[in-house]
């Protein structure tokens, strides 16, 4: 009997989740109703799925409104009607067009107009909705004698007064206004509250025909999305058989590149995989992915395929991935098995500079009608909700901050208590549509069969539902991602070719895995700039594992993930690796578990380990085990099937006789890391990229650091990568107007910093400089530069202060004198181009005093770091000459050492106290690692960037050396007395 129900996907309007809406309506006696959220179909598919679980006959549609003013409600008679509603809604959303007062001539949808609708003529599928308030006016209206065109339209938006209050707050947030100033036209009527079905029928009892019309309308609606069937593109070219032959042909071609010997085991595995792919109907999915990477290769785009797709030999042969699944014993069934109805999940990473073009290609090749970015939702978070709600109550900013830090401070404050109460209520509510970070859908049917689309900042249409709904309905995403690590590799190859004249096949992974120099870098953690292995934590782990081979790096890539580390299993893995007796004891304690996970010493490391333990240890089916793995995501965990499988996990283990505490410990491991740990194939893909980066770092470190700088660095900031280049022989030079470029460049060993690194320098000014130099040659003097490049005095001063005119032989102060003479004192006026070079009057200037560190201070301001050693900036002599190289001889001794702070990682002890890890450079530029336990961390905190005197005990564990800090003092830097605005204390270093 309900034709106009809202969930909280009526953004910043509705107040009830889809499932709660169903539950409350069932409780009130309804067995059919229409979900018609405002201007979107975000919840429609999930509503139909949930309705089946509650024995509800669903109907779906849209409440079309301009702002909050309802124009009409459209309800789909069937799936064709849902499609036409989406196709009508989409252009209005894309172009921000208001809806007309009259609906279009829908063929497969009903239209319900408000009682105030002015037109007397209604189409066969159109009705007038009568609300409870309209009943009073009906006897006196023009519609009283046309009851065959009337239906019940009791809008259901709230459960109670609390919901209504939350609605008003959401409307005030949406309108960015105080609640007291919220217009009644911008909010719903409190009468839009759910009432029992018996009460509703009683209120309309004088109009039985209206009741029958409504029953008939809802009864004639039927919508079914045929869940869990593959909705992706089904045929790549002509037919499914043609697709299979095409796929097989490309695999055979790939054998020559990947396995020149074409051994029988490889061919057998290839044929087995191809048969499974064909039987499950996934040939088109593989071919579409192949087409995407073929396009990338044709354009010279570098990419890497990762995720569970790396378990597939077919993917390896097609060069979708660079992971050999036979070498790693990756079982194909983790990727595709007869129990899995969903298509495979490929994650393809591209350079951040290439990804948008790849996305454009996909839309143009497969059609905007059938391609969409996958949607997502921005949700209210508790602390941000406190701010939003407090603002509409008019709470001052300082009080808002106090409430966010300490919600209990609201006690005794009426408005504060309301803020906390309703912030908790709307925590998790969807606020508005967004997009998934990487997902793209390519559908067999038009996207409008499932969703209307939004046009968000990326410029491509995106669905109004998220990845969980997409999976449910059978639309499985292609993940097209971007990362700077690939850009560094791609750019390095170009820079190496230009500077060294060497061409490198970076995809020759088998050669890289046996390279001795790479092994040496891995074993000691010398991986600055290299993807995924450069962080202090990874350096520590690699050193302790002595990880000089591919398999250990694959394991390390997953062990380092937050969940594994949090569960304590990273530590346990290290101990078992180092201690054979500990491994043997673990085997004796729980042989069933150890045998399942023997490769990783009985420790769960990969996502597959959850499946293995659930299947072999707890006796769940493979299908149930995968439900358990997926259930580690918070949203999927809310579903009933996850909790049923969890219960079966415990009951099966109990029936097998395992100790209750043992089972609880294993479950804790699963729960703590499964949402973070990598699939083994995914980890292997990361390891491949790490090897490629390590190869470039090992043999062409200077060029690789240039590429790293040009792509925004990595874990660290620019200063460290320049330091690393110096440690490998680079001669670092400041930007130069005659030899520099917008990016950093290298000529031989000379590394010229790019103009992009200068704070305040505009790209337009650099483009003018580079164009002029390219057309008419290098500049001969400052006057020559000024006569040829239209530049403001402000921009010119930046170039002079960074010493970009050093080729003139003049000091910076002399050049600044000339610049002011030529351009005047204006900071913005640019000279008019002339045919004649202005004459520069040569002044006889007195000797201009210059501080020995003046250039360093200019560099600090303009680059963010000095090009000289930070230790030279210290006010006093370095108080200790001890170096990192001396620490192995000082194990278990107390030392004093000076280090330049690079980064720190705050964390907490098991008891919840604050502590930190520190990373420094010593006076020779080598690593110095520190541990700051809570007692010293509180007394001797980090006090910003700079050099520190560190006192503490040297400790060593499995080859990794660090200092447990007892005392730490930040050392004072020099300052320029006559240039107080450039004092070092006022300028932040990079780290």
Foldseek 3Di string as FASTA:
>chain_A
DAEAEEDCVLFLAFFHHLLRVLVVQVVLPAQEYEYARALWCACVLVNVVNSVVVNHFYWYWHQYDDQPHTLKIKIFLELVRLLVRLVVSQVCQAVVNHDDSDDDPGDGIAIEGEPPRDDPDDDPRYAYEAELVNVVVLVVDPCVVVLLRYAHHQAARAADPVRQVLSLLSLCLVVVAASVPDDPVNHDDPSSHDHRPVVVCVSCVVRVSNHVSHVVNRVSHHYDLPWLAAFAAQDQPDDLVVLLVVLVVLLVVLCCVPPVVPDPVLVVLQVVVSVQCSVLRNSNVVVVLLVLVVVCVVVVWDKAKFALCLCHSSCCSSVNHLHHNVVVVRHCVVQPDPLRNAHGEIAMATAPVCLLVSVVCVCVVQHLQFKAFAKDFDAQALLVQLVSSCVSNVNDPVVSVVCSVPVVVCPPPVSSVVSNVSSVSRHGRTNDMDGDQFWMWGGNHGPSSPTNWHQDPSRGTYGSYHQVSCNGSNTHTHGYHYDLLSLLLSQLQVQCCVAVVDHDDLSPLVVLQPDPLLLVCQCQQVQFQFFQQNDPVNNVLSVLLSPSGLVVQLLSSQCPWQLNVVLVNSVVLSVVSVDVVSLVVVCVVPVQQCVLVVVSSSGDRALVSQLSCQCRVQPDDSSLSVLCLVCLPPVSVVDPSNVVSVVSSQVSNVVVPDDPVVSVSVVSSCNRPSVTGGHSRNSSSSSSSSSSSSVCCSPPVLSSLQSCQQSQHPPFHNVLSVLSLVVVPADEAEAALQPEEQGWHDHNRYIYHHPVLFPPADVVQRVQSVVQCVVPNGAQAPLSSLLRGFDFLQNVLLCLLLPNGVVNVDHSVVVNVQSCVVHPDDRPHTDDHDPDRDDGDDDPDDDDDDDPCSSQLSCCNTRVGGPDDLLVQFPDHPPDPDAPVCLVVQAQHKDKFKWWWGDKAWDADPVGAIWIKTWTAGPVGDIAIETEDRVACVVAPDDAGGMKIFIAHWHDDSRDIHGYTNHMDHTDGDADPVCNVSGPVVGHHRD
